[in-house]
Amino acid sequence: MKKFLKIVAIIIVIIAAGSIYVNYKMSSVEKESSDIATNAVTAISTSWNPEELQTRAHPSLIQEAQEPGQRFEDVFKIYQKLGKLKDSPECQFQRFHSNIDTTGNYTLADYLCKADYENGTATISMQLRQESNHTTWLIYGFRIDSPLFTKLLEK
């Protein structure tokens, strides 16, 4: 019975330590990437210049933007219909993921931003990526949804 209780105690300690680490990592990721997310959305949607996204984009997003209909310039023609940004966007940290692939370790931070523009509101979904050997966060995914786009499609 003592052996069983020791095993249970060890499992509890491991789970508690894992939980503490995950909370620490999540807090750290949020602190590091929160301003980057808000500043990126502000810079991109203030000028609606595709280069603002491209200079902050991860190479895989840039490569994806070479596909027909996915080019930054094409997508930004639609985004520009929102007009000028009224106020600073509100970006909320959603979650993070740590992964390993053939290029090494990396962390992803997901954000959901709400913004008001001259011609309507929008929700921006953004994913930031940080390679384990870099301190820079790059935009790995970027999408803007707005009721305005639905109205434009109905016309």
N, C-alpha and C. Protein backbone atom coordinates (compact mmCIF):
# COMPACT_ATOMS: atom_id res chain seq x y z
N MET A 1 0.82 -1.20 0.00
CA MET A 1 0.00 0.00 0.00
C MET A 1 0.86 1.26 0.00
N LYS A 2 1.99 1.25 0.76
CA LYS A 2 2.88 2.40 0.80
C LYS A 2 3.47 2.68 -0.59
N LYS A 3 3.78 1.61 -1.29
CA LYS A 3 4.36 1.76 -2.63
C LYS A 3 3.33 2.43 -3.57
N PHE A 4 2.10 2.02 -3.47
CA PHE A 4 1.03 2.59 -4.28
C PHE A 4 0.87 4.09 -3.97
N LEU A 5 0.87 4.45 -2.68
CA LEU A 5 0.73 5.85 -2.29
C LEU A 5 1.91 6.68 -2.77
N LYS A 6 3.12 6.11 -2.75
CA LYS A 6 4.29 6.83 -3.26
C LYS A 6 4.14 7.10 -4.75
N ILE A 7 3.66 6.11 -5.47
CA ILE A 7 3.47 6.27 -6.92
C ILE A 7 2.43 7.35 -7.19
N VAL A 8 1.33 7.34 -6.46
CA VAL A 8 0.29 8.35 -6.61
C VAL A 8 0.85 9.73 -6.29
N ALA A 9 1.62 9.85 -5.22
CA ALA A 9 2.22 11.12 -4.83
C ALA A 9 3.17 11.62 -5.92
N ILE A 10 3.96 10.75 -6.51
CA ILE A 10 4.88 11.13 -7.58
C ILE A 10 4.10 11.63 -8.80
N ILE A 11 3.04 10.92 -9.13
CA ILE A 11 2.20 11.33 -10.27
C ILE A 11 1.60 12.71 -10.01
N ILE A 12 1.11 12.96 -8.80
CA ILE A 12 0.53 14.25 -8.46
C ILE A 12 1.58 15.36 -8.57
N VAL A 13 2.78 15.10 -8.08
CA VAL A 13 3.86 16.09 -8.17
C VAL A 13 4.21 16.38 -9.63
N ILE A 14 4.27 15.35 -10.45
CA ILE A 14 4.58 15.54 -11.87
C ILE A 14 3.50 16.36 -12.55
N ILE A 15 2.23 16.06 -12.28
CA ILE A 15 1.13 16.81 -12.87
C ILE A 15 1.16 18.27 -12.40
N ALA A 16 1.41 18.49 -11.12
CA ALA A 16 1.48 19.86 -10.59
C ALA A 16 2.64 20.62 -11.22
N ALA A 17 3.79 19.99 -11.34
CA ALA A 17 4.96 20.65 -11.95
C ALA A 17 4.67 20.97 -13.41
N GLY A 18 4.03 20.06 -14.12
CA GLY A 18 3.68 20.29 -15.51
C GLY A 18 2.72 21.44 -15.65
N SER A 19 1.75 21.51 -14.77
CA SER A 19 0.76 22.59 -14.79
C SER A 19 1.42 23.94 -14.51
N ILE A 20 2.33 23.98 -13.56
CA ILE A 20 3.06 25.21 -13.25
C ILE A 20 3.88 25.64 -14.45
N TYR A 21 4.56 24.71 -15.10
CA TYR A 21 5.38 25.03 -16.27
C TYR A 21 4.51 25.57 -17.42
N VAL A 22 3.39 24.92 -17.69
CA VAL A 22 2.51 25.37 -18.77
C VAL A 22 2.00 26.78 -18.48
N ASN A 23 1.59 27.06 -17.25
CA ASN A 23 1.11 28.40 -16.90
C ASN A 23 2.23 29.43 -17.03
N TYR A 24 3.44 29.08 -16.62
CA TYR A 24 4.58 29.99 -16.76
C TYR A 24 4.86 30.25 -18.23
N LYS A 25 4.89 29.19 -19.03
CA LYS A 25 5.18 29.33 -20.47
C LYS A 25 4.10 30.17 -21.14
N MET A 26 2.84 29.92 -20.82
CA MET A 26 1.74 30.67 -21.42
C MET A 26 1.86 32.15 -21.06
N SER A 27 2.16 32.46 -19.82
CA SER A 27 2.32 33.85 -19.38
C SER A 27 3.49 34.50 -20.11
N SER A 28 4.57 33.78 -20.25
CA SER A 28 5.75 34.28 -20.93
C SER A 28 5.47 34.56 -22.41
N VAL A 29 4.82 33.61 -23.07
CA VAL A 29 4.48 33.77 -24.49
C VAL A 29 3.56 34.97 -24.67
N GLU A 30 2.57 35.09 -23.80
CA GLU A 30 1.62 36.20 -23.92
C GLU A 30 2.33 37.55 -23.73
N LYS A 31 3.20 37.64 -22.73
CA LYS A 31 3.92 38.90 -22.48
C LYS A 31 4.80 39.27 -23.68
N GLU A 32 5.49 38.29 -24.24
CA GLU A 32 6.41 38.55 -25.35
C GLU A 32 5.68 38.95 -26.62
N SER A 33 4.55 38.34 -26.89
CA SER A 33 3.92 38.49 -28.20
C SER A 33 2.73 39.46 -28.24
N SER A 34 2.21 39.85 -27.11
CA SER A 34 1.00 40.67 -27.08
C SER A 34 1.18 42.01 -27.79
N ASP A 35 2.21 42.75 -27.45
CA ASP A 35 2.45 44.05 -28.10
C ASP A 35 2.74 43.87 -29.58
N ILE A 36 3.43 42.80 -29.92
CA ILE A 36 3.75 42.53 -31.33
C ILE A 36 2.46 42.35 -32.12
N ALA A 37 1.51 41.62 -31.58
CA ALA A 37 0.24 41.41 -32.27
C ALA A 37 -0.51 42.72 -32.47
N THR A 38 -0.64 43.51 -31.43
CA THR A 38 -1.36 44.78 -31.52
C THR A 38 -0.66 45.74 -32.49
N ASN A 39 0.66 45.84 -32.37
CA ASN A 39 1.41 46.74 -33.25
C ASN A 39 1.33 46.30 -34.71
N ALA A 40 1.36 45.00 -34.94
CA ALA A 40 1.28 44.50 -36.32
C ALA A 40 -0.07 44.82 -36.94
N VAL A 41 -1.15 44.56 -36.22
CA VAL A 41 -2.48 44.85 -36.75
C VAL A 41 -2.63 46.35 -37.01
N THR A 42 -2.13 47.17 -36.09
CA THR A 42 -2.21 48.62 -36.27
C THR A 42 -1.44 49.06 -37.51
N ALA A 43 -0.21 48.61 -37.65
CA ALA A 43 0.62 49.02 -38.79
C ALA A 43 0.04 48.53 -40.11
N ILE A 44 -0.43 47.30 -40.13
CA ILE A 44 -0.96 46.72 -41.37
C ILE A 44 -2.24 47.43 -41.79
N SER A 45 -3.14 47.65 -40.83
CA SER A 45 -4.45 48.19 -41.22
C SER A 45 -4.53 49.71 -41.20
N THR A 46 -3.48 50.39 -40.78
CA THR A 46 -3.46 51.84 -40.86
C THR A 46 -3.23 52.28 -42.30
N SER A 47 -2.28 51.63 -42.96
CA SER A 47 -1.94 52.03 -44.33
C SER A 47 -2.52 51.09 -45.40
N TRP A 48 -2.92 49.90 -44.99
CA TRP A 48 -3.35 48.85 -45.92
C TRP A 48 -2.30 48.62 -47.01
N ASN A 49 -1.05 48.70 -46.59
CA ASN A 49 0.07 48.45 -47.50
C ASN A 49 0.50 47.00 -47.30
N PRO A 50 0.44 46.17 -48.34
CA PRO A 50 0.81 44.76 -48.20
C PRO A 50 2.24 44.55 -47.68
N GLU A 51 3.11 45.54 -47.92
CA GLU A 51 4.49 45.40 -47.43
C GLU A 51 4.56 45.40 -45.92
N GLU A 52 3.59 46.03 -45.26
CA GLU A 52 3.57 46.01 -43.79
C GLU A 52 3.39 44.58 -43.27
N LEU A 53 2.59 43.80 -43.97
CA LEU A 53 2.45 42.38 -43.60
C LEU A 53 3.68 41.60 -44.04
N GLN A 54 4.13 41.83 -45.23
CA GLN A 54 5.25 41.06 -45.77
C GLN A 54 6.52 41.21 -44.92
N THR A 55 6.79 42.41 -44.41
CA THR A 55 8.00 42.61 -43.60
C THR A 55 7.92 41.91 -42.25
N ARG A 56 6.71 41.57 -41.82
CA ARG A 56 6.50 40.89 -40.53
C ARG A 56 6.18 39.41 -40.70
N ALA A 57 6.10 38.94 -41.93
CA ALA A 57 5.61 37.59 -42.21
C ALA A 57 6.71 36.53 -42.12
N HIS A 58 6.29 35.37 -41.69
CA HIS A 58 7.16 34.18 -41.69
C HIS A 58 7.36 33.75 -43.15
N PRO A 59 8.51 33.19 -43.50
CA PRO A 59 8.74 32.77 -44.89
C PRO A 59 7.66 31.85 -45.46
N SER A 60 7.06 31.00 -44.64
CA SER A 60 6.02 30.10 -45.16
C SER A 60 4.76 30.88 -45.56
N LEU A 61 4.44 31.97 -44.86
CA LEU A 61 3.29 32.80 -45.23
C LEU A 61 3.59 33.55 -46.53
N ILE A 62 4.81 34.01 -46.67
CA ILE A 62 5.21 34.69 -47.91
C ILE A 62 5.12 33.71 -49.08
N GLN A 63 5.56 32.49 -48.87
CA GLN A 63 5.49 31.48 -49.93
C GLN A 63 4.04 31.17 -50.29
N GLU A 64 3.20 31.04 -49.28
CA GLU A 64 1.77 30.77 -49.51
C GLU A 64 1.12 31.91 -50.30
N ALA A 65 1.61 33.13 -50.08
CA ALA A 65 1.05 34.30 -50.77
C ALA A 65 1.44 34.37 -52.24
N GLN A 66 2.22 33.42 -52.71
CA GLN A 66 2.57 33.37 -54.13
C GLN A 66 1.50 32.66 -54.95
N GLU A 67 0.59 31.97 -54.26
CA GLU A 67 -0.47 31.23 -54.94
C GLU A 67 -1.48 32.21 -55.55
N PRO A 68 -2.04 31.87 -56.72
CA PRO A 68 -3.05 32.75 -57.34
C PRO A 68 -4.23 32.99 -56.39
N GLY A 69 -4.64 34.24 -56.29
CA GLY A 69 -5.75 34.61 -55.41
C GLY A 69 -5.35 34.77 -53.96
N GLN A 70 -4.13 34.40 -53.61
CA GLN A 70 -3.65 34.51 -52.24
C GLN A 70 -2.60 35.61 -52.09
N ARG A 71 -2.23 36.26 -53.18
CA ARG A 71 -1.20 37.29 -53.13
C ARG A 71 -1.64 38.39 -52.18
N PHE A 72 -0.70 38.91 -51.43
CA PHE A 72 -1.01 39.98 -50.48
C PHE A 72 -1.73 41.13 -51.16
N GLU A 73 -1.27 41.50 -52.35
CA GLU A 73 -1.87 42.64 -53.06
C GLU A 73 -3.35 42.38 -53.36
N ASP A 74 -3.67 41.14 -53.78
CA ASP A 74 -5.06 40.79 -54.10
C ASP A 74 -5.94 40.82 -52.86
N VAL A 75 -5.45 40.25 -51.79
CA VAL A 75 -6.22 40.19 -50.54
C VAL A 75 -6.40 41.59 -49.95
N PHE A 76 -5.37 42.40 -50.04
CA PHE A 76 -5.44 43.75 -49.46
C PHE A 76 -6.41 44.64 -50.22
N LYS A 77 -6.69 44.35 -51.49
CA LYS A 77 -7.70 45.11 -52.22
C LYS A 77 -9.06 44.95 -51.55
N ILE A 78 -9.30 43.78 -51.00
CA ILE A 78 -10.55 43.53 -50.27
C ILE A 78 -10.49 44.19 -48.89
N TYR A 79 -9.38 43.99 -48.17
CA TYR A 79 -9.23 44.56 -46.83
C TYR A 79 -9.38 46.08 -46.84
N GLN A 80 -8.88 46.74 -47.89
CA GLN A 80 -8.92 48.20 -47.97
C GLN A 80 -10.34 48.75 -47.94
N LYS A 81 -11.30 47.93 -48.30
CA LYS A 81 -12.69 48.37 -48.32
C LYS A 81 -13.20 48.70 -46.91
N LEU A 82 -12.50 48.23 -45.88
CA LEU A 82 -12.88 48.57 -44.51
C LEU A 82 -12.63 50.05 -44.21
N GLY A 83 -11.73 50.67 -44.95
CA GLY A 83 -11.40 52.07 -44.70
C GLY A 83 -10.35 52.22 -43.61
N LYS A 84 -10.27 53.43 -43.08
CA LYS A 84 -9.25 53.75 -42.08
C LYS A 84 -9.57 53.14 -40.72
N LEU A 85 -8.54 52.78 -40.02
CA LEU A 85 -8.65 52.28 -38.65
C LEU A 85 -9.07 53.43 -37.74
N LYS A 86 -10.13 53.22 -36.94
CA LYS A 86 -10.63 54.28 -36.06
C LYS A 86 -9.84 54.34 -34.75
N ASP A 87 -9.67 53.20 -34.10
CA ASP A 87 -9.01 53.13 -32.80
C ASP A 87 -8.02 51.97 -32.80
N SER A 88 -7.21 51.94 -31.78
CA SER A 88 -6.26 50.84 -31.63
C SER A 88 -7.04 49.53 -31.47
N PRO A 89 -6.61 48.48 -32.16
CA PRO A 89 -7.34 47.20 -32.06
C PRO A 89 -7.17 46.57 -30.67
N GLU A 90 -8.14 45.77 -30.30
CA GLU A 90 -8.07 45.02 -29.04
C GLU A 90 -7.70 43.59 -29.39
N CYS A 91 -6.48 43.19 -29.05
CA CYS A 91 -6.01 41.84 -29.36
C CYS A 91 -6.00 40.99 -28.09
N GLN A 92 -6.64 39.85 -28.18
CA GLN A 92 -6.72 38.92 -27.06
C GLN A 92 -5.93 37.66 -27.36
N PHE A 93 -5.02 37.33 -26.47
CA PHE A 93 -4.26 36.08 -26.56
C PHE A 93 -5.22 34.92 -26.40
N GLN A 94 -5.13 33.93 -27.29
CA GLN A 94 -6.02 32.77 -27.24
C GLN A 94 -5.34 31.54 -26.65
N ARG A 95 -4.18 31.18 -27.23
CA ARG A 95 -3.46 29.99 -26.76
C ARG A 95 -2.09 29.95 -27.42
N PHE A 96 -1.27 29.04 -26.94
CA PHE A 96 0.03 28.83 -27.56
C PHE A 96 0.25 27.33 -27.78
N HIS A 97 1.13 27.03 -28.71
CA HIS A 97 1.51 25.64 -29.00
C HIS A 97 3.02 25.62 -29.14
N SER A 98 3.66 24.64 -28.59
CA SER A 98 5.09 24.42 -28.85
C SER A 98 5.19 23.17 -29.69
N ASN A 99 5.94 23.26 -30.77
CA ASN A 99 6.04 22.14 -31.71
C ASN A 99 7.48 21.91 -32.14
N ILE A 100 7.69 20.77 -32.75
CA ILE A 100 8.98 20.41 -33.34
C ILE A 100 8.70 19.91 -34.74
N ASP A 101 9.47 20.41 -35.71
CA ASP A 101 9.40 19.88 -37.07
C ASP A 101 10.83 19.75 -37.61
N THR A 102 10.96 19.58 -38.89
CA THR A 102 12.28 19.36 -39.48
C THR A 102 13.18 20.58 -39.35
N THR A 103 12.58 21.77 -39.12
CA THR A 103 13.39 22.98 -38.97
C THR A 103 13.79 23.23 -37.52
N GLY A 104 13.23 22.48 -36.58
CA GLY A 104 13.56 22.65 -35.17
C GLY A 104 12.34 22.95 -34.33
N ASN A 105 12.59 23.46 -33.12
CA ASN A 105 11.52 23.80 -32.18
C ASN A 105 10.97 25.18 -32.50
N TYR A 106 9.69 25.36 -32.29
CA TYR A 106 9.08 26.67 -32.45
C TYR A 106 7.84 26.76 -31.58
N THR A 107 7.42 28.00 -31.34
CA THR A 107 6.22 28.27 -30.55
C THR A 107 5.27 29.10 -31.40
N LEU A 108 3.98 28.77 -31.32
CA LEU A 108 2.94 29.52 -32.01
C LEU A 108 2.07 30.20 -30.96
N ALA A 109 1.71 31.45 -31.21
CA ALA A 109 0.80 32.19 -30.33
C ALA A 109 -0.38 32.65 -31.17
N ASP A 110 -1.59 32.29 -30.75
CA ASP A 110 -2.80 32.66 -31.49
C ASP A 110 -3.46 33.87 -30.85
N TYR A 111 -3.86 34.82 -31.70
CA TYR A 111 -4.53 36.03 -31.25
C TYR A 111 -5.81 36.25 -32.02
N LEU A 112 -6.79 36.85 -31.35
CA LEU A 112 -8.02 37.28 -31.97
C LEU A 112 -8.15 38.77 -31.66
N CYS A 113 -8.19 39.58 -32.70
CA CYS A 113 -8.23 41.03 -32.52
C CYS A 113 -9.55 41.58 -33.06
N LYS A 114 -10.09 42.54 -32.35
CA LYS A 114 -11.30 43.25 -32.78
C LYS A 114 -10.89 44.67 -33.11
N ALA A 115 -11.39 45.17 -34.26
CA ALA A 115 -11.04 46.53 -34.67
C ALA A 115 -12.23 47.21 -35.33
N ASP A 116 -12.27 48.52 -35.15
CA ASP A 116 -13.30 49.35 -35.78
C ASP A 116 -12.66 50.17 -36.89
N TYR A 117 -13.31 50.15 -38.05
CA TYR A 117 -12.84 50.88 -39.22
C TYR A 117 -13.94 51.83 -39.68
N GLU A 118 -13.60 52.71 -40.59
CA GLU A 118 -14.57 53.67 -41.13
C GLU A 118 -15.84 52.99 -41.65
N ASN A 119 -15.67 51.86 -42.32
CA ASN A 119 -16.80 51.22 -42.98
C ASN A 119 -17.32 49.96 -42.28
N GLY A 120 -16.87 49.71 -41.07
CA GLY A 120 -17.38 48.55 -40.36
C GLY A 120 -16.39 47.99 -39.35
N THR A 121 -16.82 46.92 -38.73
CA THR A 121 -15.97 46.25 -37.74
C THR A 121 -15.31 45.04 -38.40
N ALA A 122 -14.27 44.56 -37.75
CA ALA A 122 -13.57 43.38 -38.27
C ALA A 122 -12.98 42.57 -37.12
N THR A 123 -12.84 41.29 -37.39
CA THR A 123 -12.16 40.38 -36.49
C THR A 123 -10.92 39.87 -37.22
N ILE A 124 -9.78 40.04 -36.60
CA ILE A 124 -8.52 39.62 -37.20
C ILE A 124 -8.02 38.41 -36.43
N SER A 125 -7.83 37.31 -37.15
CA SER A 125 -7.22 36.11 -36.58
C SER A 125 -5.76 36.10 -37.01
N MET A 126 -4.89 36.02 -36.03
CA MET A 126 -3.46 36.08 -36.34
C MET A 126 -2.72 35.03 -35.53
N GLN A 127 -1.77 34.40 -36.20
CA GLN A 127 -0.92 33.43 -35.53
C GLN A 127 0.52 33.91 -35.69
N LEU A 128 1.21 34.02 -34.56
CA LEU A 128 2.61 34.42 -34.55
C LEU A 128 3.47 33.19 -34.31
N ARG A 129 4.67 33.19 -34.90
CA ARG A 129 5.58 32.06 -34.75
C ARG A 129 6.95 32.57 -34.33
N GLN A 130 7.51 31.88 -33.34
CA GLN A 130 8.87 32.18 -32.88
C GLN A 130 9.69 30.91 -32.92
N GLU A 131 10.79 30.95 -33.67
CA GLU A 131 11.70 29.80 -33.73
C GLU A 131 12.48 29.75 -32.41
N SER A 132 12.86 28.55 -31.99
CA SER A 132 13.54 28.40 -30.70
C SER A 132 14.87 29.13 -30.65
N ASN A 133 15.52 29.31 -31.80
CA ASN A 133 16.83 29.97 -31.81
C ASN A 133 16.74 31.45 -32.18
N HIS A 134 15.54 32.03 -32.16
CA HIS A 134 15.34 33.45 -32.46
C HIS A 134 14.47 34.09 -31.38
N THR A 135 14.58 35.40 -31.27
CA THR A 135 13.73 36.13 -30.33
C THR A 135 12.58 36.82 -31.05
N THR A 136 12.63 36.85 -32.36
CA THR A 136 11.63 37.57 -33.15
C THR A 136 10.37 36.73 -33.36
N TRP A 137 9.22 37.37 -33.22
CA TRP A 137 7.94 36.76 -33.54
C TRP A 137 7.56 37.21 -34.94
N LEU A 138 7.19 36.27 -35.81
CA LEU A 138 6.77 36.57 -37.17
C LEU A 138 5.33 36.12 -37.38
N ILE A 139 4.63 36.80 -38.28
CA ILE A 139 3.23 36.44 -38.56
C ILE A 139 3.22 35.18 -39.40
N TYR A 140 2.58 34.15 -38.87
CA TYR A 140 2.50 32.83 -39.51
C TYR A 140 1.15 32.63 -40.19
N GLY A 141 0.14 33.35 -39.70
CA GLY A 141 -1.20 33.30 -40.27
C GLY A 141 -1.90 34.62 -40.03
N PHE A 142 -2.68 35.09 -41.01
CA PHE A 142 -3.34 36.38 -40.89
C PHE A 142 -4.61 36.35 -41.72
N ARG A 143 -5.73 36.66 -41.07
CA ARG A 143 -7.01 36.66 -41.77
C ARG A 143 -7.91 37.71 -41.15
N ILE A 144 -8.62 38.45 -42.00
CA ILE A 144 -9.57 39.44 -41.52
C ILE A 144 -10.97 39.03 -41.99
N ASP A 145 -11.90 38.99 -41.04
CA ASP A 145 -13.31 38.71 -41.34
C ASP A 145 -14.12 39.93 -40.93
N SER A 146 -15.11 40.27 -41.77
CA SER A 146 -15.95 41.40 -41.46
C SER A 146 -17.32 41.21 -42.11
N PRO A 147 -18.38 41.65 -41.45
CA PRO A 147 -19.71 41.62 -42.08
C PRO A 147 -19.72 42.43 -43.38
N LEU A 148 -18.86 43.43 -43.48
CA LEU A 148 -18.78 44.22 -44.70
C LEU A 148 -18.44 43.35 -45.91
N PHE A 149 -17.55 42.39 -45.72
CA PHE A 149 -17.16 41.51 -46.83
C PHE A 149 -18.34 40.68 -47.31
N THR A 150 -19.18 40.24 -46.39
CA THR A 150 -20.37 39.47 -46.75
C THR A 150 -21.33 40.34 -47.57
N LYS A 151 -21.52 41.57 -47.13
CA LYS A 151 -22.39 42.50 -47.87
C LYS A 151 -21.87 42.75 -49.28
N LEU A 152 -20.56 42.88 -49.41
CA LEU A 152 -19.97 43.13 -50.72
C LEU A 152 -20.14 41.94 -51.66
N LEU A 153 -20.08 40.73 -51.08
CA LEU A 153 -20.27 39.52 -51.88
C LEU A 153 -21.71 39.35 -52.35
N GLU A 154 -22.65 39.85 -51.55
CA GLU A 154 -24.07 39.73 -51.90
C GLU A 154 -24.47 40.65 -53.04
N LYS A 155 -23.70 41.68 -53.29
CA LYS A 155 -24.04 42.64 -54.34
C LYS A 155 -23.77 42.10 -55.71
